[in-house]
C-alpha atoms as a PDB file:
ATOM      1  CA  MET A   1      10.649   4.997  12.518  1.00  0.00           C
ATOM      2  CA  TYR A   2      10.835   4.025   8.835  1.00  0.00           C
ATOM      3  CA  LYS A   3       8.003   6.371   7.898  1.00  0.00           C
ATOM      4  CA  ASN A   4       9.991   9.524   6.842  1.00  0.00           C
ATOM      5  CA  ASN A   5      13.157   7.884   5.507  1.00  0.00           C
ATOM      6  CA  ILE A   6      12.660   8.648   1.867  1.00  0.00           C
ATOM      7  CA  THR A   7      12.418  11.599  -0.268  1.00  0.00           C
ATOM      8  CA  PHE A   8      11.425  11.259  -3.804  1.00  0.00           C
ATOM      9  CA  THR A   9      13.963  13.420  -5.895  1.00  0.00           C
ATOM     10  CA  LYS A  10      12.264  13.309  -9.272  1.00  0.00           C
ATOM     11  CA  MET A  11       9.204  15.146 -10.156  1.00  0.00           C
ATOM     12  CA  TYR A  12       7.564  12.155 -12.066  1.00  0.00           C
ATOM     13  CA  TYR A  13       5.102  14.126 -14.155  1.00  0.00           C
ATOM     14  CA  VAL A  14       1.722  12.442 -14.684  1.00  0.00           C
ATOM     15  CA  PRO A  15       1.227  11.820 -18.418  1.00  0.00           C
ATOM     16  CA  THR A  16      -0.745  14.533 -20.100  1.00  0.00           C
ATOM     17  CA  VAL A  17      -3.338  12.001 -21.383  1.00  0.00           C
ATOM     18  CA  TYR A  18      -4.812  11.901 -17.904  1.00  0.00           C
ATOM     19  CA  TYR A  19      -5.240  15.653 -17.860  1.00  0.00           C
ATOM     20  CA  TRP A  20      -6.732  15.753 -21.350  1.00  0.00           C
ATOM     21  CA  LEU A  21      -9.439  13.295 -20.416  1.00  0.00           C
ATOM     22  CA  ASP A  22     -10.410  15.595 -17.684  1.00  0.00           C
ATOM     23  CA  GLU A  23     -11.150  18.570 -19.986  1.00  0.00           C
ATOM     24  CA  ASN A  24     -14.282  16.805 -21.229  1.00  0.00           C
ATOM     25  CA  LYS A  25     -16.313  15.769 -18.225  1.00  0.00           C
ATOM     26  CA  ASN A  26     -18.229  13.042 -20.221  1.00  0.00           C
ATOM     27  CA  MET A  27     -14.975  11.604 -21.627  1.00  0.00           C
ATOM     28  CA  TYR A  28     -13.523  11.618 -18.094  1.00  0.00           C
ATOM     29  CA  LYS A  29     -16.677   9.738 -16.829  1.00  0.00           C
ATOM     30  CA  ASN A  30     -16.766   7.328 -19.654  1.00  0.00           C
ATOM     31  CA  VAL A  31     -13.079   6.485 -19.244  1.00  0.00           C
ATOM     32  CA  LYS A  32     -13.398   6.173 -15.575  1.00  0.00           C
ATOM     33  CA  SER A  33     -16.402   3.892 -15.928  1.00  0.00           C
ATOM     34  CA  GLU A  34     -14.689   1.756 -18.488  1.00  0.00           C
ATOM     35  CA  LEU A  35     -11.479   1.459 -16.491  1.00  0.00           C
ATOM     36  CA  THR A  36     -13.435   0.601 -13.322  1.00  0.00           C
ATOM     37  CA  GLU A  37     -15.194  -2.118 -15.009  1.00  0.00           C
ATOM     38  CA  GLN A  38     -12.043  -3.563 -16.414  1.00  0.00           C
ATOM     39  CA  PHE A  39     -10.387  -3.184 -12.933  1.00  0.00           C
ATOM     40  CA  LYS A  40     -13.268  -5.182 -11.309  1.00  0.00           C
ATOM     41  CA  ASN A  41     -12.896  -7.904 -13.819  1.00  0.00           C
ATOM     42  CA  ASN A  42      -9.048  -7.992 -13.630  1.00  0.00           C
ATOM     43  CA  LYS A  43      -9.270  -8.026  -9.896  1.00  0.00           C
ATOM     44  CA  LYS A  44     -11.679 -11.018  -9.951  1.00  0.00           C
ATOM     45  CA  ILE A  45      -9.553 -12.973 -12.453  1.00  0.00           C
ATOM     46  CA  PHE A  46      -6.324 -12.202 -10.509  1.00  0.00           C
ATOM     47  CA  TYR A  47      -7.641 -13.269  -7.147  1.00  0.00           C
ATOM     48  CA  GLU A  48      -9.269 -16.381  -8.660  1.00  0.00           C
ATOM     49  CA  ASN A  49      -5.816 -17.376  -9.881  1.00  0.00           C
ATOM     50  CA  LEU A  50      -3.830 -16.335  -6.857  1.00  0.00           C
ATOM     51  CA  ASP A  51      -3.358 -19.663  -5.071  1.00  0.00           C
ATOM     52  CA  ARG A  52      -2.265 -21.422  -8.265  1.00  0.00           C
ATOM     53  CA  TYR A  53       0.614 -18.816  -8.892  1.00  0.00           C
ATOM     54  CA  LYS A  54       1.720 -18.468  -5.100  1.00  0.00           C
ATOM     55  CA  LYS A  55       2.876 -22.023  -5.127  1.00  0.00           C
ATOM     56  CA  SER A  56       5.345 -21.456  -7.959  1.00  0.00           C
ATOM     57  CA  HIS A  57       6.337 -17.980  -6.819  1.00  0.00           C
ATOM     58  CA  LEU A  58       5.621 -16.583 -10.282  1.00  0.00           C
ATOM     59  CA  LEU A  59       2.970 -14.096  -9.106  1.00  0.00           C
ATOM     60  CA  GLU A  60       4.463 -11.004 -10.499  1.00  0.00           C
ATOM     61  CA  LYS A  61       5.161 -12.509 -13.884  1.00  0.00           C
ATOM     62  CA  THR A  62       1.655 -13.515 -14.676  1.00  0.00           C
ATOM     63  CA  PRO A  63      -0.536 -11.612 -17.217  1.00  0.00           C
ATOM     64  CA  GLU A  64      -3.370 -11.569 -14.665  1.00  0.00           C
ATOM     65  CA  TYR A  65      -1.127  -9.707 -12.180  1.00  0.00           C
ATOM     66  CA  ASN A  66       0.253  -7.328 -14.766  1.00  0.00           C
ATOM     67  CA  GLU A  67      -3.256  -6.474 -16.176  1.00  0.00           C
ATOM     68  CA  TYR A  68      -4.737  -5.960 -12.728  1.00  0.00           C
ATOM     69  CA  LYS A  69      -1.898  -3.862 -11.377  1.00  0.00           C
ATOM     70  CA  SER A  70      -1.596  -1.653 -14.582  1.00  0.00           C
ATOM     71  CA  ASN A  71      -5.360  -1.057 -14.567  1.00  0.00           C
ATOM     72  CA  LEU A  72      -5.135  -0.126 -10.775  1.00  0.00           C
ATOM     73  CA  ILE A  73      -2.292   2.367 -11.610  1.00  0.00           C
ATOM     74  CA  ARG A  74      -4.404   3.835 -14.442  1.00  0.00           C
ATOM     75  CA  LEU A  75      -7.333   4.400 -12.233  1.00  0.00           C
ATOM     76  CA  ILE A  76      -5.050   5.907  -9.464  1.00  0.00           C
ATOM     77  CA  LEU A  77      -3.518   8.385 -12.019  1.00  0.00           C
ATOM     78  CA  LEU A  78      -6.820   9.189 -13.616  1.00  0.00           C
ATOM     79  CA  ASP A  79      -8.243  10.261 -10.255  1.00  0.00           C
ATOM     80  CA  TYR A  80      -5.023  12.036  -9.122  1.00  0.00           C
ATOM     81  CA  ALA A  81      -5.044  14.142 -12.252  1.00  0.00           C
ATOM     82  CA  HIS A  82      -8.765  14.832 -11.870  1.00  0.00           C
ATOM     83  CA  TYR A  83      -8.664  15.857  -8.157  1.00  0.00           C
ATOM     84  CA  PHE A  84      -5.081  17.261  -7.860  1.00  0.00           C
ATOM     85  CA  PRO A  85      -4.296  18.683 -11.320  1.00  0.00           C
ATOM     86  CA  ASP A  86      -1.537  21.026  -9.905  1.00  0.00           C
ATOM     87  CA  ASN A  87       0.452  18.416  -8.049  1.00  0.00           C
ATOM     88  CA  LYS A  88       3.500  16.494  -9.234  1.00  0.00           C
ATOM     89  CA  GLY A  89       3.892  12.651  -9.484  1.00  0.00           C
ATOM     90  CA  LYS A  90       6.288  12.659  -6.586  1.00  0.00           C
ATOM     91  CA  ASP A  91       3.457  14.157  -4.418  1.00  0.00           C
ATOM     92  CA  LEU A  92       1.311  11.086  -5.485  1.00  0.00           C
ATOM     93  CA  LEU A  93       4.113   8.687  -4.538  1.00  0.00           C
ATOM     94  CA  LYS A  94       4.414  10.293  -1.161  1.00  0.00           C
ATOM     95  CA  SER A  95       0.603  10.178  -0.475  1.00  0.00           C
ATOM     96  CA  ILE A  96       0.540   6.440  -1.505  1.00  0.00           C
ATOM     97  CA  VAL A  97       3.394   5.658   0.928  1.00  0.00           C
ATOM     98  CA  ASP A  98       2.006   7.851   3.673  1.00  0.00           C
ATOM     99  CA  LYS A  99      -1.391   6.203   3.495  1.00  0.00           C
ATOM    100  CA  TRP A 100       0.225   2.812   3.622  1.00  0.00           C
ATOM    101  CA  ASN A 101       2.196   3.839   6.793  1.00  0.00           C
ATOM    102  CA  ASP A 102      -0.914   5.317   8.431  1.00  0.00           C
ATOM    103  CA  ASN A 103      -3.012   2.263   7.908  1.00  0.00           C
ATOM    104  CA  LYS A 104      -3.694   0.856  11.473  1.00  0.00           C
ATOM    105  CA  MET A 105      -5.124  -2.310  10.272  1.00  0.00           C
ATOM    106  CA  ILE A 106      -1.780  -3.870   8.982  1.00  0.00           C
ATOM    107  CA  LYS A 107       0.714  -5.344  11.197  1.00  0.00           C
ATOM    108  CA  THR A 108       3.723  -3.230  11.871  1.00  0.00           C
ATOM    109  CA  LYS A 109       6.245  -5.973  10.740  1.00  0.00           C
ATOM    110  CA  VAL A 110       4.377  -6.584   7.495  1.00  0.00           C
ATOM    111  CA  LYS A 111       4.068  -2.853   6.786  1.00  0.00           C
ATOM    112  CA  GLU A 112       7.767  -2.351   7.511  1.00  0.00           C
ATOM    113  CA  MET A 113       8.852  -5.226   5.362  1.00  0.00           C
ATOM    114  CA  ILE A 114       6.778  -4.354   2.305  1.00  0.00           C
ATOM    115  CA  TYR A 115       7.595  -0.662   2.671  1.00  0.00           C
ATOM    116  CA  SER A 116      11.331  -1.410   2.802  1.00  0.00           C
ATOM    117  CA  ARG A 117      11.164  -3.540  -0.176  1.00  0.00           C
ATOM    118  CA  THR A 118       9.019  -1.186  -2.181  1.00  0.00           C
ATOM    119  CA  ILE A 119      11.256   1.952  -1.315  1.00  0.00           C
ATOM    120  CA  SER A 120      14.476   0.017  -2.216  1.00  0.00           C
ATOM    121  CA  ASN A 121      13.088  -0.901  -5.622  1.00  0.00           C
ATOM    122  CA  ILE A 122      12.027   2.655  -6.341  1.00  0.00           C
ATOM    123  CA  VAL A 123      15.430   4.017  -5.268  1.00  0.00           C
ATOM    124  CA  LYS A 124      17.239   1.298  -7.183  1.00  0.00           C
ATOM    125  CA  TYR A 125      15.495   2.280 -10.616  1.00  0.00           C
ATOM    126  CA  GLU A 126      14.700   5.946  -9.886  1.00  0.00           C
ATOM    127  CA  LYS A 127      17.890   7.049 -11.693  1.00  0.00           C
ATOM    128  CA  ILE A 128      16.885   5.302 -14.977  1.00  0.00           C
ATOM    129  CA  ILE A 129      13.081   5.447 -14.904  1.00  0.00           C
ATOM    130  CA  ASN A 130      11.193   8.856 -15.499  1.00  0.00           C
ATOM    131  CA  ASN A 131       7.892   7.486 -16.180  1.00  0.00           C
ATOM    132  CA  ILE A 132       5.506   7.438 -13.188  1.00  0.00           C
ATOM    133  CA  GLU A 133       3.575   4.602 -14.528  1.00  0.00           C
ATOM    134  CA  GLU A 134       6.765   2.382 -14.441  1.00  0.00           C
ATOM    135  CA  ILE A 135       7.754   3.691 -11.120  1.00  0.00           C
ATOM    136  CA  MET A 136       4.283   2.751  -9.734  1.00  0.00           C
ATOM    137  CA  MET A 137       4.653  -0.793 -11.188  1.00  0.00           C
ATOM    138  CA  LEU A 138       7.685  -1.128  -8.793  1.00  0.00           C
ATOM    139  CA  ILE A 139       5.316  -0.418  -5.809  1.00  0.00           C
ATOM    140  CA  ASN A 140       3.997  -3.421  -3.966  1.00  0.00           C
ATOM    141  CA  LEU A 141       0.492  -4.314  -5.019  1.00  0.00           C
ATOM    142  CA  GLN A 142      -0.774  -4.221  -1.484  1.00  0.00           C
ATOM    143  CA  ILE A 143       0.336  -0.632  -1.087  1.00  0.00           C
ATOM    144  CA  LEU A 144      -1.468   0.397  -4.296  1.00  0.00           C
ATOM    145  CA  GLU A 145      -4.534  -1.391  -3.194  1.00  0.00           C
ATOM    146  CA  ASN A 146      -4.445   0.283   0.167  1.00  0.00           C
ATOM    147  CA  PHE A 147      -4.270   3.584  -1.495  1.00  0.00           C
ATOM    148  CA  TYR A 148      -7.036   2.942  -3.999  1.00  0.00           C
ATOM    149  CA  GLU A 149      -9.576   1.159  -1.899  1.00  0.00           C
END
């Protein structure tokens, strides 16, 4: 099966800013609250405009898409640094992919297609990108949503 085909070779350290926010619990809560509110707004705007962009196949080039996905990635990294401070970014990537593969609600063909495309994107750029935020931008939005929600 496609599930265990990939091993992430780089460590992909989570940026230290996420850990610094965690040192002050009030700061973490405030940032989390603000990011969550932005995330909800970005998600609403993104999905309201989704049909318009699907027709032109420009979905991934829209500001709405980039804002929504970036905000989602920041929330994932913020929670990850908070709940798993000793883990590496490659552990996060593995858990994102594993949760996607373990989701029984997604059809197997869809799961395999999105997984394959995402992994090939990561492997293609892994040699030149060290930033986990940029690597996570290569992950399919559905996979990230599946992980966060």
